[in-house]
């Protein structure tokens, strides 16, 4: 009986992990669609492809391909806002490897050797 219980618990944990993996893959697909829509919409409002490429950590050529594809999804930014905070703790480790950088106003571009605005003269 004890062995059956261990087997059942192991099988349940495996099933739960597989279900989470399936759901996560669906979420990844949805987020890829939202990023593509965001690229198109951001370009449409006048942000250059080079700045977009840096922000999303893609090559300018890939950004150009995305821009030339289907139109942006309606309400893409609202969908991102709903998803953004949900898995925060679970994704912090993975997010630390993302190389995208916000350099477009109102985000200040960091300049090496220059004091930041919050830093005053000593």
Protein backbone atom coordinates (compact mmCIF):
# COMPACT_ATOMS: atom_id res chain seq x y z
CA UNK A 1 0.00 0.00 0.00
CA UNK A 2 2.79 2.41 0.84
CA UNK A 3 4.39 1.76 -2.55
CA UNK A 4 1.09 2.49 -4.32
CA UNK A 5 0.81 5.78 -2.45
CA UNK A 6 4.35 6.78 -3.44
CA UNK A 7 3.61 5.87 -7.04
CA UNK A 8 0.38 7.88 -7.00
CA UNK A 9 2.12 10.94 -5.49
CA UNK A 10 4.92 10.71 -8.04
CA UNK A 11 2.48 10.36 -10.90
CA UNK A 12 0.43 13.33 -9.62
CA UNK A 13 3.55 15.52 -9.37
CA UNK A 14 4.57 14.48 -12.89
CA UNK A 15 1.08 15.26 -14.21
CA UNK A 16 1.12 18.68 -12.49
CA UNK A 17 4.54 19.50 -13.94
CA UNK A 18 3.44 18.47 -17.44
CA UNK A 19 0.27 20.57 -17.14
CA UNK A 20 2.31 23.60 -16.04
CA UNK A 21 4.74 23.08 -18.91
CA UNK A 22 1.85 22.93 -21.39
CA UNK A 23 0.33 26.10 -19.93
CA UNK A 24 3.70 27.88 -19.93
CA UNK A 25 4.24 27.05 -23.61
CA UNK A 26 0.84 28.54 -24.39
CA UNK A 27 1.75 31.64 -22.40
CA UNK A 28 5.06 31.94 -24.29
CA UNK A 29 3.23 31.76 -27.62
CA UNK A 30 0.80 34.46 -26.49
CA UNK A 31 3.65 36.68 -25.23
CA UNK A 32 5.51 36.29 -28.54
CA UNK A 33 2.39 37.51 -30.34
CA UNK A 34 2.09 40.43 -27.92
CA UNK A 35 5.76 41.41 -28.39
CA UNK A 36 5.33 41.30 -32.17
CA UNK A 37 2.24 43.50 -31.86
CA UNK A 38 4.11 45.84 -29.57
CA UNK A 39 6.95 46.13 -32.08
CA UNK A 40 4.51 47.01 -34.87
CA UNK A 41 2.56 49.49 -32.75
CA UNK A 42 5.68 51.15 -31.33
CA UNK A 43 7.09 51.58 -34.83
CA UNK A 44 3.74 52.94 -36.02
CA UNK A 45 3.92 55.74 -33.42
CA UNK A 46 7.34 56.80 -34.67
CA UNK A 47 10.00 54.94 -32.67
CA UNK A 48 12.93 53.89 -34.87
CA UNK A 49 13.63 50.25 -35.63
CA UNK A 50 17.10 50.53 -34.06
CA UNK A 51 15.69 51.74 -30.73
CA UNK A 52 12.99 49.05 -30.80
CA UNK A 53 15.61 46.38 -31.55
CA UNK A 54 17.68 47.46 -28.54
CA UNK A 55 14.64 47.54 -26.27
CA UNK A 56 13.53 44.01 -27.17
CA UNK A 57 17.02 42.54 -27.63
CA UNK A 58 16.49 41.56 -31.27
CA UNK A 59 18.47 42.35 -34.39
CA UNK A 60 17.25 45.28 -36.50
CA UNK A 61 16.67 42.80 -39.33
CA UNK A 62 14.30 40.73 -37.20
CA UNK A 63 12.45 43.89 -36.11
CA UNK A 64 12.08 44.82 -39.78
CA UNK A 65 10.58 41.39 -40.52
CA UNK A 66 8.08 41.74 -37.67
CA UNK A 67 7.06 45.23 -38.76
CA UNK A 68 6.34 43.99 -42.28
CA UNK A 69 4.03 41.21 -41.03
CA UNK A 70 0.39 41.28 -39.86
CA UNK A 71 -1.10 44.32 -38.08
CA UNK A 72 -0.81 44.75 -34.31
CA UNK A 73 -3.34 43.04 -32.05
CA UNK A 74 -5.89 45.40 -30.51
CA UNK A 75 -5.25 46.05 -26.83
CA UNK A 76 -1.87 44.31 -26.79
CA UNK A 77 -0.46 46.60 -24.10
CA UNK A 78 -3.44 45.97 -21.80
CA UNK A 79 -2.89 42.22 -22.14
CA UNK A 80 0.79 42.64 -21.27
CA UNK A 81 -0.15 44.65 -18.17
CA UNK A 82 -2.44 41.83 -17.01
CA UNK A 83 0.26 39.18 -17.48
CA UNK A 84 3.31 41.17 -16.31
CA UNK A 85 2.88 40.92 -12.53
CA UNK A 86 1.40 37.45 -12.26
CA UNK A 87 4.54 35.24 -12.50
CA UNK A 88 6.99 37.87 -11.21
CA UNK A 89 8.64 35.85 -8.43
CA UNK A 90 8.91 32.69 -10.50
CA UNK A 91 10.47 34.51 -13.45
CA UNK A 92 12.94 36.84 -11.71
CA UNK A 93 15.87 34.44 -12.23
CA UNK A 94 15.12 34.03 -15.94
CA UNK A 95 14.51 37.76 -16.44
CA UNK A 96 17.98 38.54 -15.12
CA UNK A 97 19.43 37.08 -18.33
CA UNK A 98 17.43 39.39 -20.64
CA UNK A 99 19.71 41.86 -22.43
CA UNK A 100 17.12 44.37 -23.71
CA UNK A 101 17.66 48.00 -22.71
CA UNK A 102 15.28 50.96 -22.59
CA UNK A 103 17.12 53.93 -24.07
CA UNK A 104 14.20 55.94 -25.41
CA UNK A 105 12.78 58.86 -23.38
CA UNK A 106 11.60 59.05 -20.65
CA UNK A 107 14.27 56.47 -19.85
CA UNK A 108 17.64 58.13 -19.34
CA UNK A 109 20.53 56.78 -21.35
CA UNK A 110 23.39 55.83 -19.06
CA UNK A 111 26.62 57.46 -20.05
CA UNK A 112 29.92 56.15 -18.78
CA UNK A 113 31.92 58.71 -16.85
CA UNK A 114 29.15 61.29 -16.53
CA UNK A 115 27.38 61.83 -13.20
CA UNK A 116 23.72 60.81 -13.15
CA UNK A 117 21.11 63.51 -12.44
CA UNK A 118 20.55 62.17 -8.93
CA UNK A 119 24.26 62.50 -8.25
CA UNK A 120 25.32 65.99 -7.35
CA UNK A 121 28.80 67.43 -7.10
CA UNK A 122 30.69 66.08 -4.12
